[in-house]
């Protein structure tokens, strides 16, 4: 039986790698402002380049989450059709985002060792735990899966990894299919922050939780901007939480907003709020921004990456944008 299980896992891994190696990815560099090529700043962010991504592979798209390696060399994303996407990040001589190489697309496996299908594959948020394991949250069937730590952010390495189901707030069962987990971030103490779109669209506060091992769930509310909804979160090097909000409405149009939540304010019953760092809206380059990641380089500079979910629509784009956080942002 053990031999058969190992053979089955090997077949899954080889098949996933074959699919990944067949993928072709195209990209084109995009300015911050298509109407003003000289603009390189928005709010407290300096633009460090962006890419519009495309592929003739029907599996590519719907990227709703993002991780970037500490050295900035690799990215990992998950799509709402249950696939991992990874690539090497390339920079030009001045450190601006130039392109992606070695793209890979593979199916996400469930706890049963099978590729996710149907309503079980709507991945929306990614985080990396202190031990390097990958946490992936889902809408529709609300749950969080933990994948054993890969040596690098590589879809090939995750192709045959069978995850474990970890506990999530029981109240999520009351949420409708597309109103639950949108952002995950791990805290310095190992806690896991969860942001949701919430049940009541009229409420300024969107429900969220802080989960810690062997402790009761801590519930709070996140104060979003009018007509915006939280879609992503990541931890900054100092421990504060950087959040991403997205507006995609007929009245307001498309926009994205970034704000910082001080870590000491995350407590039971709190209404989380913080300063706005930047707001992206036309004519600035922006789309349905849903994934966010941050890292600090060896010189202390903080870089922020955003990725958009094109919903597999020809009317939208998959954008990967990079910014540097200004030293005077506080």
C-alpha atoms as a PDB file:
ATOM      1  CA  UNK A   1       0.000   0.000   0.000  1.00  0.00           C
ATOM      2  CA  UNK A   2       2.821   2.405   0.914  1.00  0.00           C
ATOM      3  CA  UNK A   3       4.540   1.619  -2.395  1.00  0.00           C
ATOM      4  CA  UNK A   4       1.351   2.340  -4.342  1.00  0.00           C
ATOM      5  CA  UNK A   5       0.889   5.625  -2.506  1.00  0.00           C
ATOM      6  CA  UNK A   6       4.431   6.716  -3.371  1.00  0.00           C
ATOM      7  CA  UNK A   7       3.908   5.754  -7.010  1.00  0.00           C
ATOM      8  CA  UNK A   8       0.647   7.734  -7.133  1.00  0.00           C
ATOM      9  CA  UNK A   9       2.304  10.805  -5.667  1.00  0.00           C
ATOM     10  CA  UNK A  10       5.156  10.517  -8.159  1.00  0.00           C
ATOM     11  CA  UNK A  11       2.696  10.382 -11.053  1.00  0.00           C
ATOM     12  CA  UNK A  12       0.905  13.487  -9.755  1.00  0.00           C
ATOM     13  CA  UNK A  13       4.194  15.353  -9.383  1.00  0.00           C
ATOM     14  CA  UNK A  14       5.474  14.409 -12.847  1.00  0.00           C
ATOM     15  CA  UNK A  15       2.187  15.348 -14.496  1.00  0.00           C
ATOM     16  CA  UNK A  16       2.120  18.709 -12.745  1.00  0.00           C
ATOM     17  CA  UNK A  17       5.697  19.441 -13.796  1.00  0.00           C
ATOM     18  CA  UNK A  18       4.910  18.565 -17.393  1.00  0.00           C
ATOM     19  CA  UNK A  19       1.972  20.992 -17.354  1.00  0.00           C
ATOM     20  CA  UNK A  20       4.144  23.732 -15.846  1.00  0.00           C
ATOM     21  CA  UNK A  21       6.946  23.318 -18.363  1.00  0.00           C
ATOM     22  CA  UNK A  22       4.483  23.736 -21.265  1.00  0.00           C
ATOM     23  CA  UNK A  23       3.406  27.199 -20.100  1.00  0.00           C
ATOM     24  CA  UNK A  24       4.290  30.267 -22.159  1.00  0.00           C
ATOM     25  CA  UNK A  25       4.184  33.696 -20.498  1.00  0.00           C
ATOM     26  CA  UNK A  26       4.343  37.059 -22.220  1.00  0.00           C
ATOM     27  CA  UNK A  27       4.844  40.395 -20.514  1.00  0.00           C
ATOM     28  CA  UNK A  28       5.148  44.079 -21.343  1.00  0.00           C
ATOM     29  CA  UNK A  29       6.418  46.879 -19.151  1.00  0.00           C
ATOM     30  CA  UNK A  30       3.839  49.470 -18.116  1.00  0.00           C
ATOM     31  CA  UNK A  31       4.299  53.029 -16.794  1.00  0.00           C
ATOM     32  CA  UNK A  32       2.774  54.315 -13.579  1.00  0.00           C
ATOM     33  CA  UNK A  33       0.820  56.887 -15.588  1.00  0.00           C
ATOM     34  CA  UNK A  34       0.183  56.255 -19.278  1.00  0.00           C
ATOM     35  CA  UNK A  35      -0.676  59.947 -19.733  1.00  0.00           C
ATOM     36  CA  UNK A  36       2.396  61.257 -17.920  1.00  0.00           C
ATOM     37  CA  UNK A  37       5.542  59.161 -18.339  1.00  0.00           C
ATOM     38  CA  UNK A  38       7.386  61.436 -15.939  1.00  0.00           C
ATOM     39  CA  UNK A  39       5.281  60.497 -12.916  1.00  0.00           C
ATOM     40  CA  UNK A  40       7.104  58.088 -10.614  1.00  0.00           C
ATOM     41  CA  UNK A  41       5.456  58.811  -7.274  1.00  0.00           C
ATOM     42  CA  UNK A  42       2.017  58.198  -5.823  1.00  0.00           C
ATOM     43  CA  UNK A  43       1.376  59.011  -2.184  1.00  0.00           C
ATOM     44  CA  UNK A  44       4.248  57.615  -0.116  1.00  0.00           C
ATOM     45  CA  UNK A  45       5.309  55.173  -2.833  1.00  0.00           C
ATOM     46  CA  UNK A  46       7.978  55.446  -5.522  1.00  0.00           C
ATOM     47  CA  UNK A  47       7.222  53.424  -8.645  1.00  0.00           C
ATOM     48  CA  UNK A  48       9.800  50.727  -9.378  1.00  0.00           C
ATOM     49  CA  UNK A  49       8.234  49.304 -12.507  1.00  0.00           C
ATOM     50  CA  UNK A  50       5.319  47.181 -13.607  1.00  0.00           C
ATOM     51  CA  UNK A  51       4.370  44.408 -16.001  1.00  0.00           C
ATOM     52  CA  UNK A  52       1.237  43.436 -17.868  1.00  0.00           C
ATOM     53  CA  UNK A  53       1.214  39.625 -18.003  1.00  0.00           C
ATOM     54  CA  UNK A  54      -0.435  37.326 -20.502  1.00  0.00           C
ATOM     55  CA  UNK A  55      -0.428  33.747 -21.751  1.00  0.00           C
ATOM     56  CA  UNK A  56      -2.060  31.549 -24.353  1.00  0.00           C
ATOM     57  CA  UNK A  57      -2.489  28.971 -21.585  1.00  0.00           C
ATOM     58  CA  UNK A  58      -6.160  28.963 -20.563  1.00  0.00           C
ATOM     59  CA  UNK A  59      -5.181  28.125 -16.987  1.00  0.00           C
ATOM     60  CA  UNK A  60      -3.377  31.443 -16.498  1.00  0.00           C
ATOM     61  CA  UNK A  61      -5.228  34.277 -14.750  1.00  0.00           C
ATOM     62  CA  UNK A  62      -7.386  34.919 -11.713  1.00  0.00           C
ATOM     63  CA  UNK A  63      -4.381  35.625  -9.469  1.00  0.00           C
ATOM     64  CA  UNK A  64      -5.783  36.797  -6.141  1.00  0.00           C
ATOM     65  CA  UNK A  65      -2.803  36.459  -3.806  1.00  0.00           C
ATOM     66  CA  UNK A  66       0.946  36.987  -3.770  1.00  0.00           C
ATOM     67  CA  UNK A  67       4.170  36.066  -1.964  1.00  0.00           C
ATOM     68  CA  UNK A  68       7.629  37.386  -2.857  1.00  0.00           C
ATOM     69  CA  UNK A  69      10.857  35.860  -1.557  1.00  0.00           C
ATOM     70  CA  UNK A  70      12.912  37.937   0.929  1.00  0.00           C
ATOM     71  CA  UNK A  71      15.587  38.554  -1.698  1.00  0.00           C
ATOM     72  CA  UNK A  72      13.004  39.523  -4.324  1.00  0.00           C
ATOM     73  CA  UNK A  73      14.114  36.804  -6.741  1.00  0.00           C
ATOM     74  CA  UNK A  74      10.874  34.796  -6.909  1.00  0.00           C
ATOM     75  CA  UNK A  75       7.120  35.139  -6.626  1.00  0.00           C
ATOM     76  CA  UNK A  76       4.314  32.721  -5.856  1.00  0.00           C
ATOM     77  CA  UNK A  77       0.621  33.331  -6.472  1.00  0.00           C
ATOM     78  CA  UNK A  78      -2.554  31.257  -6.388  1.00  0.00           C
ATOM     79  CA  UNK A  79      -5.550  31.585  -8.670  1.00  0.00           C
ATOM     80  CA  UNK A  80      -9.249  31.310  -8.018  1.00  0.00           C
ATOM     81  CA  UNK A  81      -9.286  28.254 -10.266  1.00  0.00           C
ATOM     82  CA  UNK A  82      -7.012  26.290  -7.981  1.00  0.00           C
ATOM     83  CA  UNK A  83      -3.559  26.639  -9.522  1.00  0.00           C
ATOM     84  CA  UNK A  84      -0.144  27.706  -8.231  1.00  0.00           C
ATOM     85  CA  UNK A  85       1.772  30.216 -10.349  1.00  0.00           C
ATOM     86  CA  UNK A  86       5.463  30.919  -9.757  1.00  0.00           C
ATOM     87  CA  UNK A  87       8.225  32.704 -11.630  1.00  0.00           C
ATOM     88  CA  UNK A  88      11.657  34.246 -11.301  1.00  0.00           C
ATOM     89  CA  UNK A  89      11.566  38.055 -11.002  1.00  0.00           C
ATOM     90  CA  UNK A  90      14.011  39.953 -13.218  1.00  0.00           C
ATOM     91  CA  UNK A  91      15.256  43.503 -12.629  1.00  0.00           C
ATOM     92  CA  UNK A  92      17.200  45.951 -14.763  1.00  0.00           C
ATOM     93  CA  UNK A  93      20.537  47.520 -13.812  1.00  0.00           C
ATOM     94  CA  UNK A  94      18.764  50.194 -11.749  1.00  0.00           C
ATOM     95  CA  UNK A  95      16.665  47.692  -9.828  1.00  0.00           C
ATOM     96  CA  UNK A  96      13.420  48.306 -11.690  1.00  0.00           C
ATOM     97  CA  UNK A  97      11.058  45.441 -12.469  1.00  0.00           C
ATOM     98  CA  UNK A  98      11.998  44.181 -15.941  1.00  0.00           C
ATOM     99  CA  UNK A  99      10.355  40.792 -16.526  1.00  0.00           C
ATOM    100  CA  UNK A 100       9.598  37.267 -15.364  1.00  0.00           C
ATOM    101  CA  UNK A 101      11.350  34.024 -16.249  1.00  0.00           C
ATOM    102  CA  UNK A 102      10.763  30.288 -15.721  1.00  0.00           C
ATOM    103  CA  UNK A 103       6.983  30.572 -15.233  1.00  0.00           C
ATOM    104  CA  UNK A 104       5.181  27.545 -13.828  1.00  0.00           C
ATOM    105  CA  UNK A 105       1.513  26.652 -13.404  1.00  0.00           C
ATOM    106  CA  UNK A 106       0.460  23.556 -11.456  1.00  0.00           C
ATOM    107  CA  UNK A 107      -2.729  22.370  -9.720  1.00  0.00           C
ATOM    108  CA  UNK A 108      -3.208  22.947  -6.015  1.00  0.00           C
ATOM    109  CA  UNK A 109      -3.818  19.667  -4.204  1.00  0.00           C
ATOM    110  CA  UNK A 110      -6.346  19.192  -1.440  1.00  0.00           C
ATOM    111  CA  UNK A 111      -5.956  17.128   1.749  1.00  0.00           C
ATOM    112  CA  UNK A 112      -7.118  14.076  -0.221  1.00  0.00           C
ATOM    113  CA  UNK A 113      -4.159  14.388  -2.595  1.00  0.00           C
ATOM    114  CA  UNK A 114      -6.377  15.304  -5.554  1.00  0.00           C
ATOM    115  CA  UNK A 115      -6.392  18.521  -7.572  1.00  0.00           C
ATOM    116  CA  UNK A 116      -9.013  20.985  -6.367  1.00  0.00           C
ATOM    117  CA  UNK A 117     -12.131  21.307  -8.500  1.00  0.00           C
ATOM    118  CA  UNK A 118     -15.336  23.345  -8.714  1.00  0.00           C
ATOM    119  CA  UNK A 119     -16.240  25.530  -5.769  1.00  0.00           C
ATOM    120  CA  UNK A 120     -13.401  24.085  -3.697  1.00  0.00           C
ATOM    121  CA  UNK A 121     -10.664  25.775  -5.749  1.00  0.00           C
ATOM    122  CA  UNK A 122     -11.382  29.508  -5.184  1.00  0.00           C
ATOM    123  CA  UNK A 123      -8.056  30.497  -3.562  1.00  0.00           C
ATOM    124  CA  UNK A 124      -8.018  34.109  -2.366  1.00  0.00           C
ATOM    125  CA  UNK A 125      -5.190  34.765   0.108  1.00  0.00           C
ATOM    126  CA  UNK A 126      -1.630  33.642   0.849  1.00  0.00           C
ATOM    127  CA  UNK A 127       0.673  33.993   3.841  1.00  0.00           C
ATOM    128  CA  UNK A 128       3.936  32.417   4.935  1.00  0.00           C
ATOM    129  CA  UNK A 129       4.319  31.174   8.500  1.00  0.00           C
ATOM    130  CA  UNK A 130       7.476  31.554  10.595  1.00  0.00           C
ATOM    131  CA  UNK A 131       8.449  27.945   9.831  1.00  0.00           C
ATOM    132  CA  UNK A 132       8.231  28.637   6.089  1.00  0.00           C
ATOM    133  CA  UNK A 133       4.984  26.759   5.516  1.00  0.00           C
ATOM    134  CA  UNK A 134       2.500  28.243   3.048  1.00  0.00           C
ATOM    135  CA  UNK A 135      -1.023  29.163   4.195  1.00  0.00           C
ATOM    136  CA  UNK A 136      -3.723  29.372   1.539  1.00  0.00           C
ATOM    137  CA  UNK A 137      -7.263  30.634   2.252  1.00  0.00           C
ATOM    138  CA  UNK A 138     -10.364  29.970   0.157  1.00  0.00           C
ATOM    139  CA  UNK A 139     -13.771  31.494  -0.480  1.00  0.00           C
ATOM    140  CA  UNK A 140     -16.981  29.652  -1.380  1.00  0.00           C
ATOM    141  CA  UNK A 141     -15.934  26.690   0.782  1.00  0.00           C
ATOM    142  CA  UNK A 142     -14.275  28.763   3.508  1.00  0.00           C
ATOM    143  CA  UNK A 143     -11.135  27.090   4.819  1.00  0.00           C
ATOM    144  CA  UNK A 144      -7.366  27.433   5.235  1.00  0.00           C
ATOM    145  CA  UNK A 145      -4.821  24.888   4.022  1.00  0.00           C
ATOM    146  CA  UNK A 146      -1.240  24.635   5.250  1.00  0.00           C
ATOM    147  CA  UNK A 147       1.460  23.370   2.856  1.00  0.00           C
ATOM    148  CA  UNK A 148       4.801  22.145   4.194  1.00  0.00           C
ATOM    149  CA  UNK A 149       7.621  24.632   3.669  1.00  0.00           C
ATOM    150  CA  UNK A 150       9.197  24.499   0.204  1.00  0.00           C
ATOM    151  CA  UNK A 151      12.873  25.405  -0.084  1.00  0.00           C
ATOM    152  CA  UNK A 152      11.860  28.242  -2.396  1.00  0.00           C
ATOM    153  CA  UNK A 153       8.700  29.794  -3.816  1.00  0.00           C
ATOM    154  CA  UNK A 154       8.297  27.339  -6.677  1.00  0.00           C
ATOM    155  CA  UNK A 155       5.129  25.786  -8.070  1.00  0.00           C
ATOM    156  CA  UNK A 156       7.156  22.679  -8.998  1.00  0.00           C
ATOM    157  CA  UNK A 157       7.992  22.070  -5.348  1.00  0.00           C
ATOM    158  CA  UNK A 158       4.358  22.527  -4.307  1.00  0.00           C
ATOM    159  CA  UNK A 159       3.028  20.285  -7.089  1.00  0.00           C
ATOM    160  CA  UNK A 160       2.928  17.132  -5.014  1.00  0.00           C
ATOM    161  CA  UNK A 161       2.517  18.612  -1.536  1.00  0.00           C
ATOM    162  CA  UNK A 162      -0.606  17.380   0.257  1.00  0.00           C
ATOM    163  CA  UNK A 163      -1.759  20.051   2.721  1.00  0.00           C
ATOM    164  CA  UNK A 164      -3.343  19.841   6.122  1.00  0.00           C
ATOM    165  CA  UNK A 165      -6.571  21.588   6.991  1.00  0.00           C
ATOM    166  CA  UNK A 166      -6.143  24.068   9.826  1.00  0.00           C
ATOM    167  CA  UNK A 167      -8.898  25.512  11.966  1.00  0.00           C
ATOM    168  CA  UNK A 168     -10.616  28.695  10.841  1.00  0.00           C
ATOM    169  CA  UNK A 169     -13.223  30.835  12.649  1.00  0.00           C
ATOM    170  CA  UNK A 170     -16.506  28.966  12.908  1.00  0.00           C
ATOM    171  CA  UNK A 171     -18.441  32.145  12.070  1.00  0.00           C
ATOM    172  CA  UNK A 172     -17.193  31.944   8.493  1.00  0.00           C
ATOM    173  CA  UNK A 173     -19.848  29.312   7.890  1.00  0.00           C
ATOM    174  CA  UNK A 174     -22.415  32.130   8.055  1.00  0.00           C
ATOM    175  CA  UNK A 175     -20.758  34.065   5.203  1.00  0.00           C
ATOM    176  CA  UNK A 176     -22.003  33.770   1.647  1.00  0.00           C
ATOM    177  CA  UNK A 177     -19.746  32.280  -0.997  1.00  0.00           C
ATOM    178  CA  UNK A 178     -17.902  35.453  -2.006  1.00  0.00           C
ATOM    179  CA  UNK A 179     -17.871  37.475   1.212  1.00  0.00           C
ATOM    180  CA  UNK A 180     -15.265  35.725   3.306  1.00  0.00           C
ATOM    181  CA  UNK A 181     -11.462  35.562   3.526  1.00  0.00           C
ATOM    182  CA  UNK A 182      -9.627  38.009   1.296  1.00  0.00           C
ATOM    183  CA  UNK A 183      -6.441  38.769   3.208  1.00  0.00           C
ATOM    184  CA  UNK A 184      -3.993  36.776   5.351  1.00  0.00           C
ATOM    185  CA  UNK A 185      -0.919  37.993   7.206  1.00  0.00           C
ATOM    186  CA  UNK A 186       1.239  36.374   9.867  1.00  0.00           C
ATOM    187  CA  UNK A 187       2.264  38.457  12.878  1.00  0.00           C
ATOM    188  CA  UNK A 188       5.619  38.562  14.618  1.00  0.00           C
ATOM    189  CA  UNK A 189       4.320  36.312  17.399  1.00  0.00           C
ATOM    190  CA  UNK A 190       3.048  33.695  14.949  1.00  0.00           C
ATOM    191  CA  UNK A 191      -0.562  34.836  15.000  1.00  0.00           C
ATOM    192  CA  UNK A 192      -2.575  34.786  11.788  1.00  0.00           C
ATOM    193  CA  UNK A 193      -4.567  37.851  10.743  1.00  0.00           C
ATOM    194  CA  UNK A 194      -7.674  37.294   8.600  1.00  0.00           C
ATOM    195  CA  UNK A 195      -9.497  40.022   6.666  1.00  0.00           C
ATOM    196  CA  UNK A 196     -12.884  39.470   5.014  1.00  0.00           C
ATOM    197  CA  UNK A 197     -15.187  41.288   2.616  1.00  0.00           C
ATOM    198  CA  UNK A 198     -17.968  40.888   5.154  1.00  0.00           C
ATOM    199  CA  UNK A 199     -21.665  40.169   4.980  1.00  0.00           C
ATOM    200  CA  UNK A 200     -23.051  43.718   5.114  1.00  0.00           C
ATOM    201  CA  UNK A 201     -21.925  45.916   2.235  1.00  0.00           C
ATOM    202  CA  UNK A 202     -23.266  49.033   3.953  1.00  0.00           C
ATOM    203  CA  UNK A 203     -21.021  48.670   7.019  1.00  0.00           C
ATOM    204  CA  UNK A 204     -17.752  50.588   7.072  1.00  0.00           C
ATOM    205  CA  UNK A 205     -16.233  47.920   9.307  1.00  0.00           C
ATOM    206  CA  UNK A 206     -15.468  44.519   7.800  1.00  0.00           C
ATOM    207  CA  UNK A 207     -15.073  41.568  10.195  1.00  0.00           C
ATOM    208  CA  UNK A 208     -11.717  39.964  10.762  1.00  0.00           C
ATOM    209  CA  UNK A 209      -9.950  37.644  13.192  1.00  0.00           C
ATOM    210  CA  UNK A 210      -6.611  37.027  14.789  1.00  0.00           C
ATOM    211  CA  UNK A 211      -5.846  33.349  15.322  1.00  0.00           C
ATOM    212  CA  UNK A 212      -3.221  32.007  17.720  1.00  0.00           C
ATOM    213  CA  UNK A 213      -2.477  28.414  18.654  1.00  0.00           C
ATOM    214  CA  UNK A 214      -4.351  27.216  21.754  1.00  0.00           C
ATOM    215  CA  UNK A 215      -6.088  30.581  22.242  1.00  0.00           C
ATOM    216  CA  UNK A 216      -9.601  31.788  21.586  1.00  0.00           C
ATOM    217  CA  UNK A 217     -10.113  33.591  18.268  1.00  0.00           C
ATOM    218  CA  UNK A 218      -9.857  37.377  18.529  1.00  0.00           C
ATOM    219  CA  UNK A 219     -12.506  39.177  16.491  1.00  0.00           C
ATOM    220  CA  UNK A 220     -12.164  42.771  15.285  1.00  0.00           C
ATOM    221  CA  UNK A 221     -13.455  45.008  12.499  1.00  0.00           C
ATOM    222  CA  UNK A 222     -11.447  46.598   9.723  1.00  0.00           C
ATOM    223  CA  UNK A 223     -12.405  50.147   8.720  1.00  0.00           C
ATOM    224  CA  UNK A 224     -12.331  50.335   4.945  1.00  0.00           C
ATOM    225  CA  UNK A 225     -12.621  53.418   2.744  1.00  0.00           C
ATOM    226  CA  UNK A 226     -16.019  54.212   1.213  1.00  0.00           C
ATOM    227  CA  UNK A 227     -16.830  51.876  -1.707  1.00  0.00           C
ATOM    228  CA  UNK A 228     -13.582  49.947  -1.164  1.00  0.00           C
ATOM    229  CA  UNK A 229     -13.216  46.393   0.114  1.00  0.00           C
ATOM    230  CA  UNK A 230     -10.164  44.728   1.680  1.00  0.00           C
ATOM    231  CA  UNK A 231      -8.530  42.258  -0.698  1.00  0.00           C
ATOM    232  CA  UNK A 232      -5.054  41.639   0.689  1.00  0.00           C
ATOM    233  CA  UNK A 233      -2.695  41.974   3.648  1.00  0.00           C
ATOM    234  CA  UNK A 234       0.977  41.449   4.415  1.00  0.00           C
ATOM    235  CA  UNK A 235       3.331  42.099   7.307  1.00  0.00           C
ATOM    236  CA  UNK A 236       5.832  44.935   7.075  1.00  0.00           C
ATOM    237  CA  UNK A 237       9.348  44.385   8.441  1.00  0.00           C
ATOM    238  CA  UNK A 238       8.550  46.345  11.635  1.00  0.00           C
ATOM    239  CA  UNK A 239       5.538  44.117  12.342  1.00  0.00           C
ATOM    240  CA  UNK A 240       2.786  46.503  11.261  1.00  0.00           C
ATOM    241  CA  UNK A 241       0.244  45.234   8.735  1.00  0.00           C
ATOM    242  CA  UNK A 242       0.032  46.637   5.221  1.00  0.00           C
ATOM    243  CA  UNK A 243      -3.425  46.225   3.716  1.00  0.00           C
ATOM    244  CA  UNK A 244      -4.764  46.449   0.188  1.00  0.00           C
ATOM    245  CA  UNK A 245      -8.273  47.679  -0.602  1.00  0.00           C
ATOM    246  CA  UNK A 246      -9.919  47.442  -3.992  1.00  0.00           C
ATOM    247  CA  UNK A 247     -12.723  49.446  -5.601  1.00  0.00           C
ATOM    248  CA  UNK A 248     -14.374  48.028  -8.698  1.00  0.00           C
ATOM    249  CA  UNK A 249     -17.766  49.688  -9.066  1.00  0.00           C
ATOM    250  CA  UNK A 250     -19.837  51.316 -11.792  1.00  0.00           C
ATOM    251  CA  UNK A 251     -20.074  54.571  -9.841  1.00  0.00           C
ATOM    252  CA  UNK A 252     -16.528  54.878  -8.560  1.00  0.00           C
ATOM    253  CA  UNK A 253     -14.665  52.945 -11.215  1.00  0.00           C
ATOM    254  CA  UNK A 254     -11.514  50.942 -10.540  1.00  0.00           C
ATOM    255  CA  UNK A 255      -9.007  51.926  -7.864  1.00  0.00           C
ATOM    256  CA  UNK A 256      -6.693  50.490  -5.218  1.00  0.00           C
ATOM    257  CA  UNK A 257      -5.729  51.829  -1.809  1.00  0.00           C
ATOM    258  CA  UNK A 258      -2.923  50.893   0.588  1.00  0.00           C
ATOM    259  CA  UNK A 259      -2.905  51.623   4.309  1.00  0.00           C
ATOM    260  CA  UNK A 260      -0.888  50.631   7.369  1.00  0.00           C
ATOM    261  CA  UNK A 261      -2.445  49.096  10.491  1.00  0.00           C
ATOM    262  CA  UNK A 262      -0.287  49.490  13.635  1.00  0.00           C
ATOM    263  CA  UNK A 263       0.270  46.037  15.119  1.00  0.00           C
ATOM    264  CA  UNK A 264      -0.487  47.179  18.678  1.00  0.00           C
ATOM    265  CA  UNK A 265      -4.051  48.128  17.677  1.00  0.00           C
ATOM    266  CA  UNK A 266      -4.999  44.578  16.680  1.00  0.00           C
ATOM    267  CA  UNK A 267      -7.077  43.413  19.629  1.00  0.00           C
ATOM    268  CA  UNK A 268     -10.501  42.036  20.422  1.00  0.00           C
ATOM    269  CA  UNK A 269     -13.349  44.379  19.574  1.00  0.00           C
ATOM    270  CA  UNK A 270     -11.100  46.953  17.909  1.00  0.00           C
ATOM    271  CA  UNK A 271     -11.956  48.888  14.760  1.00  0.00           C
ATOM    272  CA  UNK A 272      -8.683  48.694  12.861  1.00  0.00           C
ATOM    273  CA  UNK A 273      -7.670  51.827  11.037  1.00  0.00           C
ATOM    274  CA  UNK A 274      -4.464  53.450   9.906  1.00  0.00           C
ATOM    275  CA  UNK A 275      -2.884  56.015   7.592  1.00  0.00           C
ATOM    276  CA  UNK A 276      -3.379  55.742   3.863  1.00  0.00           C
ATOM    277  CA  UNK A 277      -0.091  55.355   1.990  1.00  0.00           C
ATOM    278  CA  UNK A 278      -1.282  55.661  -1.591  1.00  0.00           C
ATOM    279  CA  UNK A 279      -4.317  55.465  -3.835  1.00  0.00           C
ATOM    280  CA  UNK A 280      -4.132  54.218  -7.421  1.00  0.00           C
ATOM    281  CA  UNK A 281      -6.859  55.350  -9.814  1.00  0.00           C
ATOM    282  CA  UNK A 282      -6.955  56.200 -13.531  1.00  0.00           C
ATOM    283  CA  UNK A 283      -5.027  57.582 -15.314  1.00  0.00           C
ATOM    284  CA  UNK A 284      -2.613  55.605 -13.111  1.00  0.00           C
ATOM    285  CA  UNK A 285      -2.068  51.961 -14.065  1.00  0.00           C
ATOM    286  CA  UNK A 286      -4.487  49.896 -11.996  1.00  0.00           C
ATOM    287  CA  UNK A 287      -6.891  46.984 -12.309  1.00  0.00           C
ATOM    288  CA  UNK A 288      -8.612  44.565  -9.941  1.00  0.00           C
ATOM    289  CA  UNK A 289      -5.758  44.552  -7.415  1.00  0.00           C
ATOM    290  CA  UNK A 290      -6.047  41.624  -4.980  1.00  0.00           C
ATOM    291  CA  UNK A 291      -2.568  40.412  -3.993  1.00  0.00           C
ATOM    292  CA  UNK A 292       0.106  42.238  -1.985  1.00  0.00           C
ATOM    293  CA  UNK A 293       3.599  41.371  -0.705  1.00  0.00           C
ATOM    294  CA  UNK A 294       6.404  43.322   0.968  1.00  0.00           C
ATOM    295  CA  UNK A 295      10.102  42.774   1.625  1.00  0.00           C
ATOM    296  CA  UNK A 296      13.118  44.675   2.920  1.00  0.00           C
ATOM    297  CA  UNK A 297      16.470  44.492   1.131  1.00  0.00           C
ATOM    298  CA  UNK A 298      19.967  44.444   2.642  1.00  0.00           C
ATOM    299  CA  UNK A 299      20.139  48.252   2.677  1.00  0.00           C
ATOM    300  CA  UNK A 300      16.879  48.611   4.604  1.00  0.00           C
ATOM    301  CA  UNK A 301      14.684  49.702   1.708  1.00  0.00           C
ATOM    302  CA  UNK A 302      11.122  48.348   1.722  1.00  0.00           C
ATOM    303  CA  UNK A 303       9.585  47.180  -1.551  1.00  0.00           C
ATOM    304  CA  UNK A 304       5.900  46.497  -2.121  1.00  0.00           C
ATOM    305  CA  UNK A 305       4.445  44.300  -4.891  1.00  0.00           C
ATOM    306  CA  UNK A 306       0.832  44.223  -6.103  1.00  0.00           C
ATOM    307  CA  UNK A 307      -0.882  41.766  -8.437  1.00  0.00           C
ATOM    308  CA  UNK A 308      -4.312  41.944 -10.068  1.00  0.00           C
ATOM    309  CA  UNK A 309      -6.988  39.340 -10.695  1.00  0.00           C
ATOM    310  CA  UNK A 310      -8.191  39.529 -14.304  1.00  0.00           C
ATOM    311  CA  UNK A 311     -11.142  37.208 -13.587  1.00  0.00           C
ATOM    312  CA  UNK A 312     -10.175  35.401 -16.807  1.00  0.00           C
ATOM    313  CA  UNK A 313     -11.755  38.299 -18.701  1.00  0.00           C
ATOM    314  CA  UNK A 314     -10.446  39.911 -21.889  1.00  0.00           C
ATOM    315  CA  UNK A 315     -11.611  43.235 -20.444  1.00  0.00           C
ATOM    316  CA  UNK A 316      -9.138  43.079 -17.561  1.00  0.00           C
ATOM    317  CA  UNK A 317      -5.392  42.677 -17.135  1.00  0.00           C
ATOM    318  CA  UNK A 318      -3.028  40.738 -14.926  1.00  0.00           C
ATOM    319  CA  UNK A 319      -0.725  43.451 -13.602  1.00  0.00           C
ATOM    320  CA  UNK A 320       2.359  43.038 -11.441  1.00  0.00           C
ATOM    321  CA  UNK A 321       3.439  46.388  -9.955  1.00  0.00           C
ATOM    322  CA  UNK A 322       6.436  47.196  -7.745  1.00  0.00           C
ATOM    323  CA  UNK A 323       6.946  50.192  -5.456  1.00  0.00           C
ATOM    324  CA  UNK A 324       9.494  51.425  -2.932  1.00  0.00           C
ATOM    325  CA  UNK A 325       8.158  52.778   0.350  1.00  0.00           C
ATOM    326  CA  UNK A 326       9.564  56.241   0.983  1.00  0.00           C
ATOM    327  CA  UNK A 327      11.708  56.748   4.068  1.00  0.00           C
ATOM    328  CA  UNK A 328       9.493  59.602   5.257  1.00  0.00           C
ATOM    329  CA  UNK A 329       6.232  57.648   5.095  1.00  0.00           C
ATOM    330  CA  UNK A 330       5.564  57.836   8.840  1.00  0.00           C
END
